[in-house]
N, C-alpha and C. Protein backbone atom coordinates (compact mmCIF):
# COMPACT_ATOMS: atom_id res chain seq x y z
N MET A 1 -41.20 72.50 14.41
CA MET A 1 -40.16 71.83 14.25
C MET A 1 -38.70 72.49 14.81
N GLN A 2 -38.41 73.73 14.88
CA GLN A 2 -37.66 74.51 15.71
C GLN A 2 -37.53 73.69 16.94
N LEU A 3 -38.72 73.43 17.73
CA LEU A 3 -38.52 73.25 19.53
C LEU A 3 -37.73 71.98 19.01
N ASN A 4 -38.22 71.17 18.45
CA ASN A 4 -37.91 69.64 18.03
C ASN A 4 -36.13 69.58 17.96
N LEU A 5 -35.65 70.64 16.99
CA LEU A 5 -34.20 70.64 16.92
C LEU A 5 -33.24 70.91 17.57
N ALA A 6 -33.77 72.48 18.73
CA ALA A 6 -33.73 72.46 19.63
C ALA A 6 -32.82 71.31 20.95
N LYS A 7 -34.10 70.72 20.92
CA LYS A 7 -34.13 69.78 21.68
C LYS A 7 -33.27 68.63 21.61
N GLU A 8 -33.57 68.46 20.28
CA GLU A 8 -32.42 67.13 19.61
C GLU A 8 -30.95 67.67 19.88
N LEU A 9 -30.78 68.81 19.60
CA LEU A 9 -29.05 69.42 19.51
C LEU A 9 -28.46 69.24 21.05
N ALA A 10 -30.12 69.51 22.43
CA ALA A 10 -29.40 69.29 23.92
C ALA A 10 -29.16 68.21 24.17
N ALA A 11 -30.03 67.29 23.49
CA ALA A 11 -29.74 65.74 23.70
C ALA A 11 -28.37 65.10 22.84
N LEU A 12 -27.98 65.75 21.94
CA LEU A 12 -26.63 65.21 21.42
C LEU A 12 -25.43 65.72 23.02
N LYS A 13 -25.59 66.63 23.22
CA LYS A 13 -24.53 67.09 24.19
C LYS A 13 -24.40 65.76 25.23
N GLN A 14 -25.35 65.09 25.52
CA GLN A 14 -25.73 64.44 26.40
C GLN A 14 -25.13 63.13 26.20
N MET A 15 -24.85 62.47 25.40
CA MET A 15 -24.70 61.41 24.48
C MET A 15 -23.40 61.27 24.62
N THR A 16 -22.79 59.70 24.99
CA THR A 16 -21.85 59.58 25.16
C THR A 16 -21.21 59.32 23.27
N VAL A 17 -19.56 59.19 22.94
CA VAL A 17 -19.03 58.77 22.01
C VAL A 17 -19.83 58.07 21.39
N GLY A 18 -19.88 57.00 21.98
CA GLY A 18 -20.49 55.37 20.99
C GLY A 18 -21.99 55.82 20.51
N GLN A 19 -22.99 56.48 21.42
CA GLN A 19 -23.88 56.72 21.11
C GLN A 19 -23.81 57.74 20.10
N LEU A 20 -22.69 58.58 19.99
CA LEU A 20 -23.27 59.92 18.84
C LEU A 20 -22.47 59.28 17.48
N GLN A 21 -21.95 58.29 17.58
CA GLN A 21 -21.18 57.69 16.28
C GLN A 21 -22.56 56.61 15.63
N GLN A 22 -22.88 56.07 16.59
CA GLN A 22 -24.23 55.39 16.27
C GLN A 22 -25.55 56.24 15.51
N ARG A 23 -25.65 57.53 16.40
CA ARG A 23 -26.62 58.36 15.90
C ARG A 23 -25.72 59.22 14.35
N TYR A 24 -24.69 59.73 14.16
CA TYR A 24 -24.24 59.70 12.96
C TYR A 24 -24.74 58.49 12.23
N ALA A 25 -24.44 57.45 12.10
CA ALA A 25 -24.83 56.21 11.23
C ALA A 25 -25.88 56.75 10.78
N GLU A 26 -27.15 56.92 11.76
CA GLU A 26 -28.43 56.76 11.65
C GLU A 26 -28.81 57.92 10.44
N VAL A 27 -27.97 59.17 11.02
CA VAL A 27 -28.53 60.20 10.19
C VAL A 27 -27.68 60.59 8.72
N PHE A 28 -26.50 60.28 8.84
CA PHE A 28 -25.95 59.74 7.59
C PHE A 28 -25.69 59.05 6.51
N GLY A 29 -26.00 58.10 7.55
CA GLY A 29 -26.19 56.38 6.59
C GLY A 29 -24.74 56.00 5.96
N GLU A 30 -23.94 56.50 6.92
CA GLU A 30 -22.44 55.66 7.27
C GLU A 30 -21.60 55.74 8.14
N THR A 31 -20.64 54.64 8.52
CA THR A 31 -20.27 54.55 9.78
C THR A 31 -19.06 56.15 9.72
N VAL A 32 -18.48 56.45 10.88
CA VAL A 32 -17.50 57.39 11.49
C VAL A 32 -16.69 56.60 12.22
N ARG A 33 -15.72 57.00 11.81
CA ARG A 33 -14.62 56.56 12.50
C ARG A 33 -13.69 57.14 13.59
N SER A 34 -14.40 58.77 13.67
CA SER A 34 -13.73 60.05 14.59
C SER A 34 -14.43 59.52 16.04
N ARG A 35 -13.31 59.58 16.79
CA ARG A 35 -14.25 59.33 18.19
C ARG A 35 -14.05 60.97 18.86
N HIS A 36 -13.85 61.96 18.12
CA HIS A 36 -13.58 63.13 18.65
C HIS A 36 -15.39 63.74 19.17
N LYS A 37 -15.45 63.72 20.31
CA LYS A 37 -16.93 64.17 20.88
C LYS A 37 -17.52 65.62 19.85
N GLN A 38 -16.73 66.49 19.82
CA GLN A 38 -17.37 67.53 19.33
C GLN A 38 -17.51 67.80 17.96
N TYR A 39 -16.40 66.85 17.32
CA TYR A 39 -16.26 66.63 15.60
C TYR A 39 -17.94 66.10 15.56
N LEU A 40 -18.33 65.23 16.54
CA LEU A 40 -19.01 64.48 15.60
C LEU A 40 -20.66 65.03 15.87
N ILE A 41 -20.73 66.08 17.35
CA ILE A 41 -21.85 66.70 17.54
C ILE A 41 -21.97 68.22 16.71
N ARG A 42 -21.04 68.38 15.86
CA ARG A 42 -21.22 69.72 15.31
C ARG A 42 -21.65 68.93 13.69
N ARG A 43 -20.95 67.66 13.54
CA ARG A 43 -21.36 66.95 12.43
C ARG A 43 -22.84 66.38 12.09
N ILE A 44 -23.26 65.99 13.42
CA ILE A 44 -24.76 65.64 13.38
C ILE A 44 -25.69 66.71 13.30
N ALA A 45 -25.45 68.03 14.16
CA ALA A 45 -26.09 68.98 14.33
C ALA A 45 -25.97 69.51 12.97
N TRP A 46 -25.25 69.60 12.18
CA TRP A 46 -25.18 70.28 10.93
C TRP A 46 -26.42 69.60 9.80
N ARG A 47 -26.34 68.50 9.68
CA ARG A 47 -26.89 67.49 9.06
C ARG A 47 -28.49 67.74 9.56
N LEU A 48 -28.72 67.69 11.03
CA LEU A 48 -30.23 67.51 11.26
C LEU A 48 -30.33 68.81 10.71
N GLN A 49 -29.93 70.12 10.94
CA GLN A 49 -30.30 71.43 10.54
C GLN A 49 -30.20 71.68 8.95
N ALA A 50 -29.59 71.13 8.64
CA ALA A 50 -29.67 70.86 6.98
C ALA A 50 -31.15 69.90 5.98
N ASN A 51 -31.73 69.21 7.01
CA ASN A 51 -32.35 68.36 6.87
C ASN A 51 -34.08 69.12 7.49
N ALA A 52 -34.09 70.00 8.23
CA ALA A 52 -35.28 70.99 8.95
C ALA A 52 -35.31 71.80 8.30
N GLU A 53 -34.63 72.41 7.48
CA GLU A 53 -34.45 73.91 6.93
C GLU A 53 -33.83 73.30 5.40
N GLY A 54 -33.93 72.15 5.02
CA GLY A 54 -33.64 72.25 3.14
C GLY A 54 -32.11 72.21 2.78
N GLY A 55 -31.36 72.51 3.84
CA GLY A 55 -29.44 72.24 2.83
C GLY A 55 -29.42 73.46 2.01
N LEU A 56 -28.71 73.43 1.23
CA LEU A 56 -28.12 74.50 0.19
C LEU A 56 -28.75 74.60 -1.16
N SER A 57 -29.00 75.29 -1.31
CA SER A 57 -29.75 75.15 -3.25
C SER A 57 -28.99 74.82 -3.73
N GLU A 58 -29.82 73.98 -4.84
CA GLU A 58 -28.91 73.43 -6.10
C GLU A 58 -27.92 74.54 -7.02
N ARG A 59 -28.16 75.91 -7.01
CA ARG A 59 -27.29 76.83 -7.22
C ARG A 59 -26.16 76.68 -6.32
N ALA A 60 -26.28 76.71 -5.27
CA ALA A 60 -25.35 76.83 -4.45
C ALA A 60 -24.16 75.59 -4.06
N LEU A 61 -24.71 73.90 -4.54
CA LEU A 61 -24.14 73.42 -4.83
C LEU A 61 -23.25 73.05 -5.90
N ARG A 62 -24.09 73.54 -7.10
CA ARG A 62 -23.32 74.06 -8.39
C ARG A 62 -22.28 74.71 -8.33
N ARG A 63 -22.24 75.89 -7.73
CA ARG A 63 -21.18 76.87 -7.85
C ARG A 63 -20.18 76.28 -6.81
N ALA A 64 -20.37 75.22 -5.90
CA ALA A 64 -19.50 74.97 -4.64
C ALA A 64 -18.61 74.19 -5.85
N GLU A 65 -19.28 73.19 -6.21
CA GLU A 65 -18.31 72.13 -7.32
C GLU A 65 -17.56 72.94 -8.57
N GLU A 66 -17.70 74.00 -8.73
CA GLU A 66 -17.09 74.89 -9.97
C GLU A 66 -15.86 75.13 -8.86
N LEU A 67 -16.30 75.95 -7.87
CA LEU A 67 -14.87 76.32 -7.46
C LEU A 67 -13.76 75.59 -6.50
N ALA A 68 -14.15 73.84 -6.31
CA ALA A 68 -13.64 73.35 -5.71
C ALA A 68 -12.62 72.70 -6.62
N ASP A 69 -11.05 72.66 -6.45
CA ASP A 69 -10.31 72.03 -7.18
C ASP A 69 -9.48 71.41 -6.56
N VAL A 70 -9.46 69.90 -6.79
CA VAL A 70 -8.85 68.88 -6.39
C VAL A 70 -7.69 69.24 -6.28
N ALA A 71 -6.71 69.75 -7.17
CA ALA A 71 -5.18 70.01 -6.75
C ALA A 71 -5.27 70.50 -5.77
N ASP A 72 -5.91 71.27 -5.28
CA ASP A 72 -6.09 72.19 -3.73
C ASP A 72 -6.25 71.28 -2.95
N VAL A 73 -6.87 70.18 -2.98
CA VAL A 73 -6.88 69.10 -2.11
C VAL A 73 -6.19 68.44 -1.55
N ARG A 74 -4.89 68.42 -2.07
CA ARG A 74 -4.25 67.40 -1.75
C ARG A 74 -3.41 67.46 -0.66
N VAL A 75 -2.98 66.77 0.15
CA VAL A 75 -2.29 67.03 1.20
C VAL A 75 -0.02 66.70 0.87
N THR A 76 -0.10 65.64 0.47
CA THR A 76 1.19 65.50 -0.07
C THR A 76 1.36 65.80 -1.78
N PRO A 77 2.39 65.85 -2.09
CA PRO A 77 2.51 65.97 -3.74
C PRO A 77 2.38 64.60 -3.92
N PRO A 78 1.93 64.91 -5.74
CA PRO A 78 2.22 63.74 -6.32
C PRO A 78 3.27 62.55 -6.57
N ARG A 79 3.16 61.71 -6.61
CA ARG A 79 4.28 60.72 -6.81
C ARG A 79 4.82 61.04 -8.42
N GLY A 80 6.03 61.05 -8.75
CA GLY A 80 7.04 61.32 -9.67
C GLY A 80 7.07 62.76 -9.90
N GLY A 81 7.41 62.90 -11.56
CA GLY A 81 7.57 64.55 -12.07
C GLY A 81 8.48 65.18 -11.76
N ILE A 82 9.42 64.30 -10.93
CA ILE A 82 10.72 64.90 -10.84
C ILE A 82 11.75 64.73 -11.52
N SER A 83 12.56 65.66 -12.29
CA SER A 83 13.77 65.25 -12.71
C SER A 83 14.93 66.11 -12.15
N VAL A 84 16.19 65.31 -12.40
CA VAL A 84 17.28 66.31 -12.02
C VAL A 84 17.88 66.55 -13.52
N SER A 85 18.46 67.18 -13.53
CA SER A 85 19.12 68.09 -14.84
C SER A 85 20.40 68.65 -14.27
N ARG A 86 21.42 68.36 -14.96
CA ARG A 86 22.75 69.43 -14.73
C ARG A 86 22.62 70.44 -15.30
N VAL A 87 23.29 71.46 -14.84
CA VAL A 87 23.18 72.91 -15.56
C VAL A 87 24.50 73.52 -15.19
N LYS A 88 24.67 74.35 -15.73
CA LYS A 88 26.15 75.37 -15.53
C LYS A 88 26.69 75.01 -14.14
N THR A 89 27.93 74.59 -14.08
CA THR A 89 28.55 74.28 -12.35
C THR A 89 28.55 75.44 -11.83
N ALA A 90 28.72 76.13 -10.84
CA ALA A 90 28.68 76.88 -9.92
C ALA A 90 30.20 77.54 -10.26
N THR A 91 30.87 78.86 -10.20
CA THR A 91 31.87 79.10 -10.54
C THR A 91 32.91 79.78 -9.49
N ARG A 92 32.29 79.71 -8.26
CA ARG A 92 32.86 79.88 -6.98
C ARG A 92 34.20 78.54 -6.45
N THR A 93 35.61 78.98 -6.61
CA THR A 93 36.51 78.04 -6.76
C THR A 93 36.56 77.67 -4.90
N ASP A 94 36.38 78.38 -3.99
CA ASP A 94 36.12 77.97 -2.94
C ASP A 94 35.16 77.46 -2.01
N ALA A 95 34.24 77.47 -3.42
CA ALA A 95 32.71 76.31 -2.63
C ALA A 95 33.22 75.04 -3.10
N PRO A 96 32.70 73.96 -2.00
CA PRO A 96 32.76 72.51 -1.79
C PRO A 96 32.10 72.17 -3.28
N SER A 97 32.25 71.09 -3.69
CA SER A 97 31.85 70.61 -5.18
C SER A 97 30.92 69.73 -4.94
N ARG A 98 30.27 69.69 -3.80
CA ARG A 98 29.35 68.77 -3.14
C ARG A 98 28.73 69.08 -2.07
N PRO A 99 27.37 69.61 -1.46
CA PRO A 99 26.75 69.84 -0.22
C PRO A 99 27.33 68.85 1.00
N SER A 100 27.09 69.28 2.14
CA SER A 100 27.23 68.33 3.13
C SER A 100 25.94 67.26 3.23
N ASP A 101 25.15 67.42 3.09
CA ASP A 101 24.43 66.50 3.03
C ASP A 101 24.52 65.55 1.63
N PRO A 102 24.62 63.79 2.19
CA PRO A 102 24.76 63.34 1.04
C PRO A 102 22.94 63.11 -0.09
N ARG A 103 22.37 63.20 0.48
CA ARG A 103 21.28 63.05 0.06
C ARG A 103 20.83 64.15 -1.47
N LEU A 104 21.54 65.20 -0.99
CA LEU A 104 21.42 66.54 -1.93
C LEU A 104 22.69 65.67 -3.51
N PRO A 105 21.71 65.97 -4.88
CA PRO A 105 22.42 65.97 -5.86
C PRO A 105 24.10 67.16 -5.51
N PRO A 106 24.95 67.26 -6.57
CA PRO A 106 26.19 68.17 -6.85
C PRO A 106 25.37 69.56 -6.93
N VAL A 107 26.37 70.65 -6.47
CA VAL A 107 26.39 72.23 -6.28
C VAL A 107 26.17 72.25 -7.62
N GLY A 108 25.01 73.22 -8.34
CA GLY A 108 24.89 73.60 -9.52
C GLY A 108 24.07 73.17 -10.42
N THR A 109 23.72 71.76 -9.89
CA THR A 109 22.43 70.92 -10.24
C THR A 109 20.99 71.20 -10.12
N SER A 110 20.29 71.34 -11.10
CA SER A 110 18.96 72.07 -10.76
C SER A 110 17.71 70.72 -10.39
N ILE A 111 17.20 71.05 -9.32
CA ILE A 111 16.30 69.99 -9.20
C ILE A 111 14.47 70.77 -10.11
N ILE A 112 14.36 69.73 -10.71
CA ILE A 112 12.94 70.25 -11.43
C ILE A 112 11.96 69.22 -11.00
N ARG A 113 10.96 70.09 -10.33
CA ARG A 113 9.66 69.06 -9.99
C ARG A 113 8.26 69.82 -10.12
N ASN A 114 7.41 69.22 -11.03
CA ASN A 114 5.79 69.44 -11.54
C ASN A 114 5.00 69.62 -10.12
N TYR A 115 4.36 70.70 -9.85
CA TYR A 115 3.38 70.95 -8.69
C TYR A 115 2.43 71.63 -9.72
N LYS A 116 1.21 71.19 -8.94
CA LYS A 116 -0.43 71.91 -9.85
C LYS A 116 0.38 72.41 -10.74
N GLY A 117 0.18 71.79 -11.86
CA GLY A 117 0.57 72.26 -13.15
C GLY A 117 1.84 73.07 -13.04
N ARG A 118 2.82 73.74 -12.65
CA ARG A 118 3.50 74.10 -12.57
C ARG A 118 4.82 73.80 -12.49
N THR A 119 5.96 73.89 -13.38
CA THR A 119 7.62 73.52 -13.22
C THR A 119 8.15 74.34 -12.24
N LEU A 120 8.67 74.03 -11.00
CA LEU A 120 9.41 74.14 -10.21
C LEU A 120 10.73 73.79 -10.59
N THR A 121 11.90 74.88 -10.56
CA THR A 121 13.27 74.63 -10.77
C THR A 121 14.01 75.43 -9.45
N VAL A 122 14.53 74.37 -8.81
CA VAL A 122 15.81 74.71 -7.59
C VAL A 122 16.73 74.22 -7.68
N THR A 123 17.69 75.71 -7.72
CA THR A 123 19.19 75.26 -7.83
C THR A 123 19.94 74.92 -6.71
N VAL A 124 20.68 73.84 -6.57
CA VAL A 124 21.70 73.77 -5.72
C VAL A 124 22.82 74.62 -5.32
N LEU A 125 23.04 75.19 -4.16
CA LEU A 125 23.83 76.22 -4.19
C LEU A 125 25.05 75.52 -3.10
N ALA A 126 26.18 75.70 -3.22
CA ALA A 126 27.41 75.80 -2.20
C ALA A 126 26.60 75.84 -0.40
N ASP A 127 26.07 76.87 -0.40
CA ASP A 127 25.63 77.52 0.80
C ASP A 127 24.18 77.52 0.63
N GLY A 128 23.14 76.47 0.29
CA GLY A 128 21.82 76.82 0.29
C GLY A 128 20.95 76.17 -1.48
N PHE A 129 19.92 77.05 -1.39
CA PHE A 129 19.49 76.73 -2.74
C PHE A 129 18.47 77.91 -3.32
N GLU A 130 18.37 78.17 -4.47
CA GLU A 130 17.90 79.29 -4.97
C GLU A 130 16.49 78.63 -5.99
N TYR A 131 15.58 79.51 -5.24
CA TYR A 131 14.45 79.30 -6.12
C TYR A 131 13.38 81.08 -6.21
N ALA A 132 13.09 80.98 -7.80
CA ALA A 132 12.78 81.79 -8.10
C ALA A 132 13.33 83.23 -7.56
N GLY A 133 14.67 83.10 -7.74
CA GLY A 133 15.58 84.26 -8.02
C GLY A 133 15.92 84.65 -6.49
N GLU A 134 15.71 83.92 -5.51
CA GLU A 134 15.66 84.19 -4.09
C GLU A 134 16.38 82.76 -3.42
N ARG A 135 17.27 83.31 -2.39
CA ARG A 135 18.28 81.92 -1.66
C ARG A 135 17.42 81.80 -0.51
N TYR A 136 17.64 80.44 -0.50
CA TYR A 136 17.10 79.92 0.93
C TYR A 136 17.94 78.91 1.52
N ALA A 137 17.98 78.88 2.75
CA ALA A 137 18.86 77.57 3.62
C ALA A 137 18.70 76.21 3.28
N SER A 138 17.78 75.77 2.95
CA SER A 138 17.12 74.56 3.29
C SER A 138 16.04 74.38 2.40
N LEU A 139 15.90 73.30 1.77
CA LEU A 139 14.48 72.69 0.57
C LEU A 139 13.69 72.52 1.71
N THR A 140 13.22 72.08 2.83
CA THR A 140 12.36 72.74 3.14
C THR A 140 11.82 73.98 3.48
N ALA A 141 12.47 75.29 3.19
CA ALA A 141 12.14 76.47 3.44
C ALA A 141 11.53 76.62 1.79
N VAL A 142 12.28 76.12 1.09
CA VAL A 142 11.48 75.99 -0.25
C VAL A 142 9.99 75.56 -0.49
N ALA A 143 10.40 74.37 0.01
CA ALA A 143 8.80 73.88 0.22
C ALA A 143 7.93 74.70 0.78
N LYS A 144 7.89 75.22 1.46
CA LYS A 144 7.36 75.89 2.42
C LYS A 144 6.55 77.50 1.80
N VAL A 145 7.54 77.96 1.25
CA VAL A 145 7.09 78.73 0.04
C VAL A 145 6.28 78.22 -0.83
N ILE A 146 6.46 77.11 -1.57
CA ILE A 146 5.83 76.78 -2.55
C ILE A 146 4.04 76.47 -2.07
N THR A 147 4.43 75.52 -0.59
CA THR A 147 3.43 74.99 -0.37
C THR A 147 1.99 75.99 0.41
N GLY A 148 3.12 76.83 1.16
CA GLY A 148 2.37 77.66 1.99
C GLY A 148 1.84 76.89 3.60
N SER A 149 2.89 75.76 3.57
CA SER A 149 2.83 74.95 4.64
C SER A 149 4.14 74.67 5.30
N HIS A 150 4.21 73.79 6.48
CA HIS A 150 5.05 73.32 6.47
C HIS A 150 5.39 71.72 5.59
N MET A 151 6.64 71.47 5.18
CA MET A 151 6.58 69.97 4.29
C MET A 151 8.40 69.88 4.38
N ASN A 152 8.61 68.58 4.94
CA ASN A 152 9.76 68.10 4.48
C ASN A 152 10.30 68.67 3.15
N GLY A 153 11.20 69.09 2.93
CA GLY A 153 11.86 69.28 1.88
C GLY A 153 12.28 68.36 0.44
N PHE A 154 13.20 67.27 1.31
CA PHE A 154 13.57 65.99 0.43
C PHE A 154 12.13 65.62 0.03
N ARG A 155 11.00 65.46 0.98
CA ARG A 155 9.99 64.59 0.88
C ARG A 155 9.35 65.13 -0.48
N PHE A 156 9.30 66.64 -0.28
CA PHE A 156 8.67 67.34 -1.21
C PHE A 156 9.15 67.10 -2.92
N PHE A 157 10.47 67.19 -2.72
CA PHE A 157 10.83 67.03 -4.10
C PHE A 157 11.36 65.81 -4.35
N GLN A 158 10.97 64.82 -3.54
CA GLN A 158 10.82 63.40 -3.76
C GLN A 158 12.57 62.97 -4.04
N ILE A 159 13.91 63.32 -3.22
CA ILE A 159 14.98 62.74 -3.05
C ILE A 159 14.93 62.09 -1.56
N GLU A 160 14.15 61.70 -1.02
CA GLU A 160 14.51 61.01 -0.03
C GLU A 160 15.26 59.73 -0.65
N GLY A 161 15.90 59.61 0.61
CA GLY A 161 16.89 58.37 0.64
C GLY A 161 18.13 57.91 -0.52
N LYS A 162 18.01 59.00 -1.21
CA LYS A 162 18.96 58.62 -2.61
C LYS A 162 20.21 59.31 -2.12
N PRO A 163 21.22 58.25 -2.47
CA PRO A 163 22.48 58.86 -1.56
C PRO A 163 23.34 59.90 -2.71
């Protein structure tokens, strides 16, 4: 069986993308939209090896389901969940009453956002934003700290296009 598997894997490297898509459909029983040759080769090879060697045990599959958290899989934040509430206005007299970007609420306003079961509160300051006791220059910087990856701050806090 190992010899046939080695020949099959070698044959995959010689196939065109169209042939790999057909082979993928045969192996997985579903079509694939990807035209990335290396991805197709790796996915087909994985399935062939899993079929030949038995794949994951039932215990491993159950454990993977336990560990998988659908909240961590999201790429974009869920719709809704934002509310803007008025808090104590900044006391600085030399600070402008409104930030330069018209999409932002007035200085001293809190932006409240529910994300992955947590309530996040960001305060709009005259010279940036405050989140968890730290100051940030932009909403994007705050969103990056929260999510761990780059994301547009206005989109994350769902205040795009609001005048």
